[in-house]
Amino acid sequence: MELFDVSWIGMVITALGTLFLIGEVLVNARGLFALLGLGFITVYFSAYVETSSFILMLVIYFVGLLLIVVDGKVVNDGTLATLGLAAMVLSVALAAPDFITGLYAVLGVLLGAGGSLLFLKVFKTREMWTKIALTDQLTDEAGYSSMNKQYKSLVGMTGVTLNSLRPSGTIRIENKDYSAVSNGQWIEKGVPVKVIHVDGTKIMVEMINE
C-alpha cells in the first residue's frame, strides 16, 4: 500500500470516483460510469478506513449522492444538492488518515463534481434533468410559432435572477418569470442578467458586469 502513503493520491481517486458517479446521475452512461465511480470510491475508503468504519463512510458518501439525485428529480433548487455534496466531502475527509490527505481528498470531490458537468456537453442527458438542462426544442413546424416569437423577442433584454442559477433557475424580465440557464456560470440570486440566446423556450443568460 505504498502508493497510498502519497497524500495527493487520495485526490486523484476521489476526483475520478466523484466524476463518474455524478456523471452517471447527469447523463445516460448505461451504468458504466456508476461501476467506475463505485470502484474508485471503494478503493479510497478500503485503503484508509478500518473495516468497522468502511460501511459508515460509504453510506455517508452515497447518501450525499442520493440527495443530489433527489434535488435534480424533485426539488430542483440546489439546496439538497449542496447538502449532498457536503456529505460526500465530509465522508472522504473523515476517512483520511491525516489533515493533508483529507484536504486533498476534499479537493478531489470538488474537482470531480465540477468536472462531471462537462459530460452534459458530450453525452445524452437523463430525462430527469431535462427541466434543468432546458433541452426542449419548440419549432415553428411543431406549431409553436407565436411562442417562439415571444421568446425570441427576449434576446438582448435584461432581468434579475429569482434564485441561484447552477446552472439553471428562474429569472424575472418585466414582471414575468422565465426558466433560464446560465452560460456556464453559477449566478447568485438577485443578480442582473442579460438574455444572450433563445432556442425555443430555452433561454440562456449571462451575468451583467457592473
N, C-alpha and C. Protein backbone atom coordinates (compact mmCIF):
# COMPACT_ATOMS: atom_id res chain seq x y z
N MET A 1 0.82 -1.21 0.00
CA MET A 1 0.00 0.00 0.00
C MET A 1 0.85 1.26 0.00
N GLU A 2 2.09 1.17 -0.50
CA GLU A 2 2.97 2.33 -0.51
C GLU A 2 2.39 3.46 -1.34
N LEU A 3 1.63 3.11 -2.35
CA LEU A 3 1.03 4.13 -3.21
C LEU A 3 0.16 5.08 -2.39
N PHE A 4 -0.53 4.56 -1.39
CA PHE A 4 -1.44 5.38 -0.60
C PHE A 4 -0.74 6.16 0.50
N ASP A 5 0.57 6.01 0.59
CA ASP A 5 1.33 6.85 1.51
C ASP A 5 1.53 8.25 0.93
N VAL A 6 1.30 8.39 -0.37
CA VAL A 6 1.40 9.69 -1.04
C VAL A 6 0.10 10.44 -0.82
N SER A 7 0.17 11.61 -0.22
CA SER A 7 -1.04 12.34 0.19
C SER A 7 -1.97 12.64 -0.97
N TRP A 8 -1.41 13.07 -2.12
CA TRP A 8 -2.27 13.53 -3.20
C TRP A 8 -2.96 12.42 -3.97
N ILE A 9 -2.58 11.16 -3.72
CA ILE A 9 -3.23 10.07 -4.45
C ILE A 9 -4.72 9.99 -4.10
N GLY A 10 -5.05 10.40 -2.87
CA GLY A 10 -6.46 10.42 -2.47
C GLY A 10 -7.26 11.40 -3.31
N MET A 11 -6.65 12.50 -3.70
CA MET A 11 -7.33 13.48 -4.55
C MET A 11 -7.66 12.88 -5.91
N VAL A 12 -6.72 12.14 -6.47
CA VAL A 12 -6.93 11.52 -7.78
C VAL A 12 -8.08 10.52 -7.72
N ILE A 13 -8.07 9.70 -6.67
CA ILE A 13 -9.08 8.64 -6.56
C ILE A 13 -10.47 9.22 -6.31
N THR A 14 -10.58 10.16 -5.37
CA THR A 14 -11.89 10.75 -5.09
C THR A 14 -12.40 11.59 -6.25
N ALA A 15 -11.48 12.23 -6.96
CA ALA A 15 -11.89 13.02 -8.13
C ALA A 15 -12.48 12.12 -9.20
N LEU A 16 -11.82 11.02 -9.49
CA LEU A 16 -12.32 10.10 -10.51
C LEU A 16 -13.62 9.43 -10.06
N GLY A 17 -13.67 9.03 -8.79
CA GLY A 17 -14.88 8.40 -8.29
C GLY A 17 -16.08 9.32 -8.36
N THR A 18 -15.90 10.55 -7.89
CA THR A 18 -17.00 11.52 -7.91
C THR A 18 -17.35 11.92 -9.34
N LEU A 19 -16.35 12.07 -10.17
CA LEU A 19 -16.57 12.43 -11.58
C LEU A 19 -17.51 11.44 -12.25
N PHE A 20 -17.22 10.15 -12.08
CA PHE A 20 -18.03 9.14 -12.77
C PHE A 20 -19.39 8.92 -12.10
N LEU A 21 -19.45 8.99 -10.77
CA LEU A 21 -20.73 8.77 -10.10
C LEU A 21 -21.73 9.89 -10.39
N ILE A 22 -21.29 11.13 -10.26
CA ILE A 22 -22.19 12.24 -10.59
C ILE A 22 -22.44 12.28 -12.09
N GLY A 23 -21.44 11.89 -12.86
CA GLY A 23 -21.63 11.80 -14.31
C GLY A 23 -22.72 10.81 -14.67
N GLU A 24 -22.79 9.69 -13.96
CA GLU A 24 -23.85 8.70 -14.20
C GLU A 24 -25.22 9.27 -13.86
N VAL A 25 -25.27 10.14 -12.84
CA VAL A 25 -26.53 10.78 -12.46
C VAL A 25 -26.98 11.76 -13.54
N LEU A 26 -26.03 12.48 -14.11
CA LEU A 26 -26.36 13.53 -15.07
C LEU A 26 -26.68 13.00 -16.46
N VAL A 27 -25.93 11.99 -16.89
CA VAL A 27 -26.10 11.51 -18.27
C VAL A 27 -26.35 10.01 -18.27
N ASN A 28 -26.84 9.53 -19.40
CA ASN A 28 -27.14 8.11 -19.55
C ASN A 28 -25.90 7.38 -20.05
N ALA A 29 -25.11 6.85 -19.11
CA ALA A 29 -23.88 6.13 -19.48
C ALA A 29 -24.09 4.62 -19.38
N ARG A 30 -25.33 4.19 -19.27
CA ARG A 30 -25.68 2.76 -19.23
C ARG A 30 -24.99 2.01 -18.09
N GLY A 31 -24.74 2.70 -17.00
CA GLY A 31 -24.17 2.05 -15.82
C GLY A 31 -22.66 1.99 -15.79
N LEU A 32 -22.01 2.32 -16.91
CA LEU A 32 -20.55 2.23 -16.96
C LEU A 32 -19.89 3.20 -15.99
N PHE A 33 -20.36 4.44 -16.00
CA PHE A 33 -19.80 5.43 -15.09
C PHE A 33 -20.04 5.04 -13.63
N ALA A 34 -21.21 4.47 -13.36
CA ALA A 34 -21.54 4.06 -12.00
C ALA A 34 -20.55 3.00 -11.51
N LEU A 35 -20.23 2.04 -12.35
CA LEU A 35 -19.29 0.98 -11.97
C LEU A 35 -17.89 1.55 -11.74
N LEU A 36 -17.47 2.44 -12.63
CA LEU A 36 -16.15 3.05 -12.47
C LEU A 36 -16.09 3.89 -11.20
N GLY A 37 -17.12 4.71 -10.99
CA GLY A 37 -17.14 5.56 -9.81
C GLY A 37 -17.17 4.76 -8.52
N LEU A 38 -18.00 3.73 -8.48
CA LEU A 38 -18.09 2.87 -7.30
C LEU A 38 -16.75 2.20 -7.02
N GLY A 39 -16.08 1.78 -8.09
CA GLY A 39 -14.77 1.14 -7.92
C GLY A 39 -13.75 2.07 -7.30
N PHE A 40 -13.66 3.29 -7.81
CA PHE A 40 -12.69 4.25 -7.28
C PHE A 40 -12.99 4.62 -5.82
N ILE A 41 -14.26 4.88 -5.52
CA ILE A 41 -14.61 5.27 -4.16
C ILE A 41 -14.39 4.12 -3.18
N THR A 42 -14.70 2.90 -3.61
CA THR A 42 -14.47 1.74 -2.76
C THR A 42 -12.98 1.57 -2.46
N VAL A 43 -12.16 1.78 -3.47
CA VAL A 43 -10.70 1.69 -3.28
C VAL A 43 -10.23 2.73 -2.26
N TYR A 44 -10.77 3.94 -2.37
CA TYR A 44 -10.36 5.01 -1.45
C TYR A 44 -10.70 4.66 0.00
N PHE A 45 -11.95 4.29 0.25
CA PHE A 45 -12.36 4.01 1.63
C PHE A 45 -11.68 2.75 2.18
N SER A 46 -11.52 1.74 1.35
CA SER A 46 -10.89 0.50 1.82
C SER A 46 -9.42 0.71 2.15
N ALA A 47 -8.81 1.70 1.51
CA ALA A 47 -7.38 1.96 1.74
C ALA A 47 -7.13 2.75 3.02
N TYR A 48 -8.12 3.56 3.44
CA TYR A 48 -7.86 4.49 4.54
C TYR A 48 -8.66 4.24 5.82
N VAL A 49 -9.74 3.48 5.76
CA VAL A 49 -10.54 3.31 6.98
C VAL A 49 -10.56 1.85 7.42
N GLU A 50 -10.81 1.66 8.70
CA GLU A 50 -10.92 0.32 9.25
C GLU A 50 -12.22 -0.34 8.75
N THR A 51 -12.26 -1.65 8.82
CA THR A 51 -13.42 -2.39 8.34
C THR A 51 -14.70 -1.95 9.05
N SER A 52 -14.60 -1.65 10.34
CA SER A 52 -15.77 -1.26 11.11
C SER A 52 -16.36 0.07 10.66
N SER A 53 -15.53 0.94 10.08
CA SER A 53 -15.99 2.26 9.64
C SER A 53 -16.23 2.32 8.14
N PHE A 54 -15.84 1.28 7.44
CA PHE A 54 -15.91 1.27 5.98
C PHE A 54 -17.34 1.50 5.49
N ILE A 55 -18.29 0.73 6.03
CA ILE A 55 -19.69 0.83 5.61
C ILE A 55 -20.25 2.20 5.94
N LEU A 56 -19.93 2.72 7.12
CA LEU A 56 -20.45 4.02 7.52
C LEU A 56 -20.01 5.12 6.57
N MET A 57 -18.73 5.12 6.21
CA MET A 57 -18.22 6.14 5.30
C MET A 57 -18.88 6.04 3.93
N LEU A 58 -19.07 4.80 3.46
CA LEU A 58 -19.74 4.61 2.17
C LEU A 58 -21.19 5.11 2.22
N VAL A 59 -21.86 4.83 3.34
CA VAL A 59 -23.26 5.26 3.48
C VAL A 59 -23.35 6.78 3.44
N ILE A 60 -22.47 7.46 4.18
CA ILE A 60 -22.49 8.93 4.19
C ILE A 60 -22.25 9.47 2.78
N TYR A 61 -21.27 8.89 2.10
CA TYR A 61 -20.94 9.35 0.75
C TYR A 61 -22.13 9.17 -0.20
N PHE A 62 -22.75 7.97 -0.17
CA PHE A 62 -23.82 7.70 -1.12
C PHE A 62 -25.14 8.34 -0.72
N VAL A 63 -25.32 8.65 0.56
CA VAL A 63 -26.48 9.46 0.95
C VAL A 63 -26.34 10.84 0.33
N GLY A 64 -25.12 11.37 0.33
CA GLY A 64 -24.87 12.65 -0.33
C GLY A 64 -25.20 12.59 -1.81
N LEU A 65 -24.79 11.52 -2.45
CA LEU A 65 -25.10 11.34 -3.87
C LEU A 65 -26.60 11.24 -4.10
N LEU A 66 -27.29 10.55 -3.19
CA LEU A 66 -28.75 10.41 -3.29
C LEU A 66 -29.43 11.77 -3.17
N LEU A 67 -28.93 12.62 -2.30
CA LEU A 67 -29.52 13.95 -2.15
C LEU A 67 -29.40 14.76 -3.44
N ILE A 68 -28.29 14.58 -4.14
CA ILE A 68 -28.11 15.26 -5.43
C ILE A 68 -29.13 14.76 -6.43
N VAL A 69 -29.38 13.45 -6.43
CA VAL A 69 -30.38 12.87 -7.34
C VAL A 69 -31.77 13.42 -7.02
N VAL A 70 -32.12 13.43 -5.73
CA VAL A 70 -33.44 13.93 -5.32
C VAL A 70 -33.61 15.39 -5.70
N ASP A 71 -32.55 16.18 -5.54
CA ASP A 71 -32.62 17.59 -5.90
C ASP A 71 -32.92 17.75 -7.39
N GLY A 72 -32.23 16.98 -8.21
CA GLY A 72 -32.44 17.09 -9.65
C GLY A 72 -33.78 16.57 -10.11
N LYS A 73 -34.34 15.57 -9.40
CA LYS A 73 -35.58 14.95 -9.83
C LYS A 73 -36.82 15.60 -9.23
N VAL A 74 -36.69 16.13 -8.01
CA VAL A 74 -37.87 16.62 -7.31
C VAL A 74 -37.80 18.10 -6.97
N VAL A 75 -36.78 18.47 -6.18
CA VAL A 75 -36.73 19.83 -5.63
C VAL A 75 -36.27 20.84 -6.66
N ASN A 76 -35.12 20.57 -7.26
CA ASN A 76 -34.59 21.40 -8.35
C ASN A 76 -34.30 22.84 -7.94
N ASP A 77 -33.78 23.04 -6.71
CA ASP A 77 -33.38 24.39 -6.33
C ASP A 77 -31.94 24.46 -5.83
N GLY A 78 -31.26 23.34 -5.83
CA GLY A 78 -29.85 23.32 -5.46
C GLY A 78 -29.58 23.11 -3.98
N THR A 79 -30.62 23.17 -3.13
CA THR A 79 -30.40 23.05 -1.69
C THR A 79 -29.94 21.65 -1.30
N LEU A 80 -30.70 20.64 -1.72
CA LEU A 80 -30.33 19.27 -1.39
C LEU A 80 -29.03 18.86 -2.08
N ALA A 81 -28.80 19.38 -3.28
CA ALA A 81 -27.56 19.07 -3.99
C ALA A 81 -26.35 19.60 -3.21
N THR A 82 -26.50 20.79 -2.64
CA THR A 82 -25.42 21.37 -1.84
C THR A 82 -25.17 20.54 -0.58
N LEU A 83 -26.25 20.12 0.09
CA LEU A 83 -26.12 19.28 1.27
C LEU A 83 -25.50 17.93 0.90
N GLY A 84 -25.90 17.41 -0.25
CA GLY A 84 -25.35 16.14 -0.70
C GLY A 84 -23.86 16.22 -0.96
N LEU A 85 -23.44 17.28 -1.62
CA LEU A 85 -22.02 17.47 -1.89
C LEU A 85 -21.25 17.62 -0.57
N ALA A 86 -21.86 18.30 0.40
CA ALA A 86 -21.22 18.47 1.71
C ALA A 86 -21.04 17.12 2.40
N ALA A 87 -22.04 16.24 2.28
CA ALA A 87 -21.94 14.91 2.88
C ALA A 87 -20.83 14.09 2.22
N MET A 88 -20.71 14.21 0.92
CA MET A 88 -19.64 13.50 0.20
C MET A 88 -18.27 14.00 0.64
N VAL A 89 -18.16 15.31 0.77
CA VAL A 89 -16.91 15.91 1.22
C VAL A 89 -16.58 15.46 2.64
N LEU A 90 -17.59 15.46 3.51
CA LEU A 90 -17.39 15.05 4.90
C LEU A 90 -16.91 13.62 5.00
N SER A 91 -17.48 12.73 4.22
CA SER A 91 -17.12 11.32 4.30
C SER A 91 -15.66 11.07 3.93
N VAL A 92 -15.19 11.70 2.85
CA VAL A 92 -13.81 11.47 2.44
C VAL A 92 -12.83 12.15 3.39
N ALA A 93 -13.25 13.26 3.97
CA ALA A 93 -12.39 13.95 4.94
C ALA A 93 -12.23 13.13 6.21
N LEU A 94 -13.33 12.56 6.71
CA LEU A 94 -13.27 11.74 7.92
C LEU A 94 -12.47 10.46 7.71
N ALA A 95 -12.50 9.95 6.49
CA ALA A 95 -11.79 8.70 6.20
C ALA A 95 -10.28 8.89 6.07
N ALA A 96 -9.85 10.09 5.79
CA ALA A 96 -8.42 10.34 5.57
C ALA A 96 -7.61 10.13 6.85
N PRO A 97 -6.40 9.62 6.72
CA PRO A 97 -5.57 9.36 7.90
C PRO A 97 -4.94 10.61 8.51
N ASP A 98 -4.86 11.70 7.77
CA ASP A 98 -4.28 12.93 8.29
C ASP A 98 -4.91 14.13 7.58
N PHE A 99 -4.61 15.31 8.08
CA PHE A 99 -5.23 16.53 7.57
C PHE A 99 -4.91 16.79 6.10
N ILE A 100 -3.65 16.63 5.72
CA ILE A 100 -3.24 16.93 4.35
C ILE A 100 -3.93 15.98 3.36
N THR A 101 -3.94 14.70 3.70
CA THR A 101 -4.61 13.73 2.83
C THR A 101 -6.09 14.04 2.72
N GLY A 102 -6.69 14.42 3.85
CA GLY A 102 -8.11 14.78 3.84
C GLY A 102 -8.38 16.00 2.98
N LEU A 103 -7.47 16.97 3.05
CA LEU A 103 -7.63 18.18 2.24
C LEU A 103 -7.56 17.85 0.76
N TYR A 104 -6.62 17.00 0.39
CA TYR A 104 -6.51 16.56 -0.99
C TYR A 104 -7.77 15.81 -1.43
N ALA A 105 -8.30 14.95 -0.55
CA ALA A 105 -9.49 14.16 -0.89
C ALA A 105 -10.70 15.06 -1.10
N VAL A 106 -10.84 16.06 -0.23
CA VAL A 106 -11.94 17.02 -0.38
C VAL A 106 -11.82 17.76 -1.70
N LEU A 107 -10.62 18.18 -2.03
CA LEU A 107 -10.39 18.87 -3.30
C LEU A 107 -10.74 17.96 -4.46
N GLY A 108 -10.44 16.67 -4.32
CA GLY A 108 -10.77 15.72 -5.37
C GLY A 108 -12.26 15.62 -5.61
N VAL A 109 -13.05 15.58 -4.53
CA VAL A 109 -14.51 15.53 -4.66
C VAL A 109 -15.03 16.77 -5.38
N LEU A 110 -14.53 17.93 -5.00
CA LEU A 110 -14.98 19.17 -5.63
C LEU A 110 -14.60 19.23 -7.10
N LEU A 111 -13.39 18.79 -7.41
CA LEU A 111 -12.95 18.77 -8.81
C LEU A 111 -13.76 17.78 -9.63
N GLY A 112 -14.03 16.62 -9.03
CA GLY A 112 -14.82 15.61 -9.73
C GLY A 112 -16.24 16.07 -9.98
N ALA A 113 -16.84 16.72 -8.97
CA ALA A 113 -18.21 17.21 -9.12
C ALA A 113 -18.28 18.28 -10.21
N GLY A 114 -17.32 19.19 -10.21
CA GLY A 114 -17.29 20.23 -11.24
C GLY A 114 -17.02 19.67 -12.62
N GLY A 115 -16.09 18.72 -12.69
CA GLY A 115 -15.74 18.13 -13.98
C GLY A 115 -16.87 17.32 -14.59
N SER A 116 -17.74 16.76 -13.74
CA SER A 116 -18.84 15.94 -14.24
C SER A 116 -19.80 16.74 -15.12
N LEU A 117 -19.86 18.06 -14.92
CA LEU A 117 -20.75 18.89 -15.73
C LEU A 117 -20.35 18.89 -17.20
N LEU A 118 -19.09 18.57 -17.46
CA LEU A 118 -18.62 18.52 -18.85
C LEU A 118 -19.28 17.37 -19.61
N PHE A 119 -19.73 16.35 -18.89
CA PHE A 119 -20.40 15.23 -19.55
C PHE A 119 -21.69 15.68 -20.23
N LEU A 120 -22.29 16.76 -19.72
CA LEU A 120 -23.53 17.26 -20.30
C LEU A 120 -23.33 17.75 -21.73
N LYS A 121 -22.11 18.11 -22.07
CA LYS A 121 -21.81 18.61 -23.41
C LYS A 121 -21.50 17.48 -24.38
N VAL A 122 -21.30 16.26 -23.85
CA VAL A 122 -20.86 15.15 -24.69
C VAL A 122 -21.90 14.05 -24.80
N PHE A 123 -22.55 13.72 -23.67
CA PHE A 123 -23.46 12.59 -23.63
C PHE A 123 -24.92 13.04 -23.53
N LYS A 124 -25.81 12.09 -23.79
CA LYS A 124 -27.25 12.37 -23.71
C LYS A 124 -27.66 12.57 -22.25
N THR A 125 -28.35 13.67 -22.00
CA THR A 125 -28.79 13.99 -20.64
C THR A 125 -29.95 13.10 -20.24
N ARG A 126 -29.97 12.68 -18.98
CA ARG A 126 -31.09 11.89 -18.48
C ARG A 126 -32.37 12.72 -18.49
N GLU A 127 -33.52 12.06 -18.65
CA GLU A 127 -34.80 12.75 -18.70
C GLU A 127 -35.08 13.53 -17.42
N MET A 128 -34.58 13.01 -16.28
CA MET A 128 -34.84 13.69 -15.02
C MET A 128 -34.20 15.06 -14.96
N TRP A 129 -33.23 15.33 -15.85
CA TRP A 129 -32.55 16.61 -15.84
C TRP A 129 -33.00 17.52 -16.98
N THR A 130 -34.05 17.13 -17.72
CA THR A 130 -34.45 17.97 -18.85
C THR A 130 -34.95 19.33 -18.39
N LYS A 131 -35.54 19.37 -17.20
CA LYS A 131 -36.01 20.67 -16.70
C LYS A 131 -34.83 21.58 -16.40
N ILE A 132 -33.75 20.97 -15.89
CA ILE A 132 -32.57 21.77 -15.59
C ILE A 132 -31.83 22.15 -16.86
N ALA A 133 -31.70 21.19 -17.76
CA ALA A 133 -30.93 21.44 -18.98
C ALA A 133 -31.71 22.26 -19.99
N LEU A 134 -33.04 22.32 -19.82
CA LEU A 134 -33.90 23.05 -20.74
C LEU A 134 -33.67 22.61 -22.18
N THR A 135 -33.85 21.31 -22.43
CA THR A 135 -33.49 20.76 -23.74
C THR A 135 -34.65 20.72 -24.72
N ASP A 136 -35.85 21.11 -24.31
CA ASP A 136 -36.98 21.07 -25.24
C ASP A 136 -36.72 21.96 -26.44
N GLN A 137 -37.02 21.44 -27.62
CA GLN A 137 -36.87 22.19 -28.86
C GLN A 137 -38.27 22.46 -29.41
N LEU A 138 -38.78 23.67 -29.28
CA LEU A 138 -40.10 24.02 -29.79
C LEU A 138 -39.91 24.77 -31.11
N THR A 139 -40.29 24.13 -32.21
CA THR A 139 -40.04 24.69 -33.53
C THR A 139 -41.32 25.26 -34.12
N ASP A 140 -41.16 26.08 -35.17
CA ASP A 140 -42.30 26.64 -35.87
C ASP A 140 -43.14 25.52 -36.49
N GLU A 141 -42.47 24.47 -37.02
CA GLU A 141 -43.17 23.38 -37.66
C GLU A 141 -44.06 22.62 -36.69
N ALA A 142 -43.70 22.64 -35.42
CA ALA A 142 -44.47 21.90 -34.41
C ALA A 142 -45.65 22.73 -33.90
N GLY A 143 -45.84 23.94 -34.44
CA GLY A 143 -46.99 24.74 -34.06
C GLY A 143 -46.74 25.69 -32.91
N TYR A 144 -45.49 26.02 -32.69
CA TYR A 144 -45.16 26.90 -31.58
C TYR A 144 -44.67 28.26 -32.08
N SER A 145 -45.13 28.68 -33.23
CA SER A 145 -44.62 29.89 -33.86
C SER A 145 -44.78 31.12 -32.97
N SER A 146 -45.99 31.32 -32.45
CA SER A 146 -46.23 32.52 -31.64
C SER A 146 -45.39 32.50 -30.37
N MET A 147 -45.28 31.31 -29.76
CA MET A 147 -44.48 31.21 -28.55
C MET A 147 -43.01 31.47 -28.86
N ASN A 148 -42.55 30.94 -29.99
CA ASN A 148 -41.15 31.17 -30.38
C ASN A 148 -40.87 32.65 -30.56
N LYS A 149 -41.79 33.35 -31.21
CA LYS A 149 -41.59 34.78 -31.44
C LYS A 149 -41.55 35.54 -30.12
N GLN A 150 -42.40 35.12 -29.18
CA GLN A 150 -42.42 35.77 -27.87
C GLN A 150 -41.09 35.59 -27.15
N TYR A 151 -40.59 34.36 -27.20
CA TYR A 151 -39.33 34.08 -26.50
C TYR A 151 -38.14 34.70 -27.22
N LYS A 152 -38.17 34.67 -28.55
CA LYS A 152 -37.06 35.25 -29.31
C LYS A 152 -36.96 36.75 -29.07
N SER A 153 -38.08 37.38 -28.76
CA SER A 153 -38.05 38.82 -28.50
C SER A 153 -37.32 39.17 -27.20
N LEU A 154 -37.04 38.16 -26.41
CA LEU A 154 -36.35 38.39 -25.14
C LEU A 154 -34.86 38.61 -25.31
N VAL A 155 -34.32 38.21 -26.47
CA VAL A 155 -32.88 38.34 -26.70
C VAL A 155 -32.46 39.80 -26.56
N GLY A 156 -31.46 40.05 -25.75
CA GLY A 156 -30.97 41.40 -25.52
C GLY A 156 -31.61 42.09 -24.34
N MET A 157 -32.72 41.53 -23.83
CA MET A 157 -33.39 42.14 -22.69
C MET A 157 -32.68 41.77 -21.39
N THR A 158 -32.88 42.57 -20.37
CA THR A 158 -32.23 42.34 -19.09
C THR A 158 -33.28 42.00 -18.03
N GLY A 159 -32.84 41.29 -17.02
CA GLY A 159 -33.71 40.92 -15.93
C GLY A 159 -32.89 40.65 -14.68
N VAL A 160 -33.48 39.92 -13.74
CA VAL A 160 -32.79 39.63 -12.49
C VAL A 160 -33.10 38.18 -12.09
N THR A 161 -32.13 37.52 -11.47
CA THR A 161 -32.32 36.14 -11.05
C THR A 161 -33.18 36.09 -9.79
N LEU A 162 -34.16 35.18 -9.77
CA LEU A 162 -35.01 35.00 -8.60
C LEU A 162 -34.46 33.93 -7.66
N ASN A 163 -33.55 33.10 -8.17
CA ASN A 163 -32.82 32.14 -7.35
C ASN A 163 -31.47 31.90 -8.01
N SER A 164 -30.64 31.11 -7.39
CA SER A 164 -29.31 30.87 -7.94
C SER A 164 -29.40 30.01 -9.20
N LEU A 165 -28.64 30.39 -10.23
CA LEU A 165 -28.56 29.63 -11.46
C LEU A 165 -27.33 28.75 -11.40
N ARG A 166 -27.54 27.40 -11.22
CA ARG A 166 -26.41 26.50 -11.02
C ARG A 166 -26.55 25.21 -11.85
N PRO A 167 -26.66 25.25 -13.14
CA PRO A 167 -26.66 26.45 -13.97
C PRO A 167 -28.06 26.93 -14.36
N SER A 168 -29.13 26.28 -13.87
CA SER A 168 -30.47 26.69 -14.27
C SER A 168 -31.21 27.30 -13.09
N GLY A 169 -32.28 28.01 -13.40
CA GLY A 169 -33.07 28.63 -12.35
C GLY A 169 -34.16 29.49 -12.97
N THR A 170 -34.59 30.49 -12.23
CA THR A 170 -35.69 31.35 -12.68
C THR A 170 -35.24 32.81 -12.70
N ILE A 171 -35.63 33.51 -13.75
CA ILE A 171 -35.32 34.93 -13.86
C ILE A 171 -36.62 35.71 -14.04
N ARG A 172 -36.57 36.99 -13.79
CA ARG A 172 -37.74 37.86 -13.98
C ARG A 172 -37.38 38.97 -14.95
N ILE A 173 -38.17 39.08 -16.01
CA ILE A 173 -37.99 40.13 -17.01
C ILE A 173 -39.32 40.86 -17.17
N GLU A 174 -39.33 42.14 -16.88
CA GLU A 174 -40.52 42.98 -16.99
C GLU A 174 -41.73 42.33 -16.30
N ASN A 175 -41.50 41.94 -15.04
CA ASN A 175 -42.55 41.39 -14.18
C ASN A 175 -43.07 40.03 -14.63
N LYS A 176 -42.35 39.35 -15.52
CA LYS A 176 -42.70 38.00 -15.92
C LYS A 176 -41.54 37.06 -15.59
N ASP A 177 -41.90 35.87 -15.10
CA ASP A 177 -40.89 34.90 -14.69
C ASP A 177 -40.65 33.87 -15.79
N TYR A 178 -39.38 33.54 -15.99
CA TYR A 178 -38.99 32.57 -17.01
C TYR A 178 -37.95 31.61 -16.44
N SER A 179 -37.97 30.37 -16.93
CA SER A 179 -36.88 29.45 -16.63
C SER A 179 -35.71 29.80 -17.54
N ALA A 180 -34.51 29.75 -17.00
CA ALA A 180 -33.34 30.12 -17.79
C ALA A 180 -32.14 29.31 -17.35
N VAL A 181 -31.14 29.30 -18.20
CA VAL A 181 -29.89 28.61 -17.88
C VAL A 181 -28.74 29.58 -18.13
N SER A 182 -27.74 29.51 -17.26
CA SER A 182 -26.61 30.43 -17.40
C SER A 182 -25.64 29.92 -18.45
N ASN A 183 -24.81 30.80 -18.91
CA ASN A 183 -23.81 30.46 -19.92
C ASN A 183 -22.57 29.90 -19.24
N GLY A 184 -22.75 28.75 -18.57
CA GLY A 184 -21.62 28.10 -17.89
C GLY A 184 -21.21 28.77 -16.60
N GLN A 185 -22.01 29.71 -16.10
CA GLN A 185 -21.68 30.41 -14.86
C GLN A 185 -22.63 29.99 -13.74
N TRP A 186 -22.14 30.11 -12.51
CA TRP A 186 -23.01 29.99 -11.34
C TRP A 186 -23.37 31.40 -10.93
N ILE A 187 -24.63 31.78 -11.13
CA ILE A 187 -25.06 33.15 -10.86
C ILE A 187 -25.96 33.14 -9.63
N GLU A 188 -25.65 33.98 -8.67
CA GLU A 188 -26.39 34.00 -7.42
C GLU A 188 -27.73 34.73 -7.57
N LYS A 189 -28.59 34.60 -6.57
CA LYS A 189 -29.90 35.23 -6.54
C LYS A 189 -29.77 36.75 -6.50
N GLY A 190 -30.67 37.44 -7.22
CA GLY A 190 -30.70 38.89 -7.20
C GLY A 190 -29.66 39.58 -8.07
N VAL A 191 -29.05 38.83 -8.98
CA VAL A 191 -28.01 39.39 -9.85
C VAL A 191 -28.60 39.78 -11.21
N PRO A 192 -28.29 40.97 -11.73
CA PRO A 192 -28.78 41.37 -13.06
C PRO A 192 -28.20 40.47 -14.15
N VAL A 193 -29.04 40.07 -15.09
CA VAL A 193 -28.60 39.21 -16.19
C VAL A 193 -29.15 39.72 -17.51
N LYS A 194 -28.54 39.26 -18.58
CA LYS A 194 -28.98 39.65 -19.93
C LYS A 194 -29.20 38.39 -20.75
N VAL A 195 -30.29 38.36 -21.52
CA VAL A 195 -30.59 37.22 -22.39
C VAL A 195 -29.70 37.30 -23.62
N ILE A 196 -28.90 36.25 -23.83
CA ILE A 196 -27.97 36.26 -24.96
C ILE A 196 -28.37 35.29 -26.07
N HIS A 197 -29.27 34.35 -25.73
CA HIS A 197 -29.67 33.38 -26.77
C HIS A 197 -30.98 32.73 -26.37
N VAL A 198 -31.83 32.46 -27.35
CA VAL A 198 -33.09 31.77 -27.13
C VAL A 198 -33.24 30.70 -28.20
N ASP A 199 -33.57 29.47 -27.77
CA ASP A 199 -33.81 28.36 -28.69
C ASP A 199 -35.10 27.69 -28.25
N GLY A 200 -36.20 27.99 -28.93
CA GLY A 200 -37.50 27.51 -28.47
C GLY A 200 -37.85 28.22 -27.17
N THR A 201 -37.97 27.44 -26.09
CA THR A 201 -38.20 28.03 -24.76
C THR A 201 -36.95 27.97 -23.91
N LYS A 202 -35.85 27.62 -24.53
CA LYS A 202 -34.58 27.58 -23.81
C LYS A 202 -33.95 28.97 -23.82
N ILE A 203 -33.87 29.57 -22.65
CA ILE A 203 -33.35 30.93 -22.51
C ILE A 203 -31.98 30.87 -21.86
N MET A 204 -30.98 31.39 -22.55
CA MET A 204 -29.63 31.43 -22.00
C MET A 204 -29.29 32.87 -21.63
N VAL A 205 -28.74 33.03 -20.43
CA VAL A 205 -28.41 34.37 -19.94
C VAL A 205 -26.97 34.41 -19.48
N GLU A 206 -26.48 35.63 -19.35
CA GLU A 206 -25.16 35.84 -18.76
C GLU A 206 -25.25 36.98 -17.77
N MET A 207 -24.36 36.96 -16.80
CA MET A 207 -24.36 37.98 -15.77
C MET A 207 -23.91 39.33 -16.35
N ILE A 208 -24.55 40.37 -15.93
CA ILE A 208 -24.18 41.72 -16.37
C ILE A 208 -23.12 42.25 -15.41
N ASN A 209 -21.94 42.51 -15.95
CA ASN A 209 -20.88 43.06 -15.12
C ASN A 209 -21.08 44.55 -14.93
N GLU A 210 -21.07 44.94 -13.68
CA GLU A 210 -21.27 46.37 -13.37
C GLU A 210 -20.07 47.17 -13.89
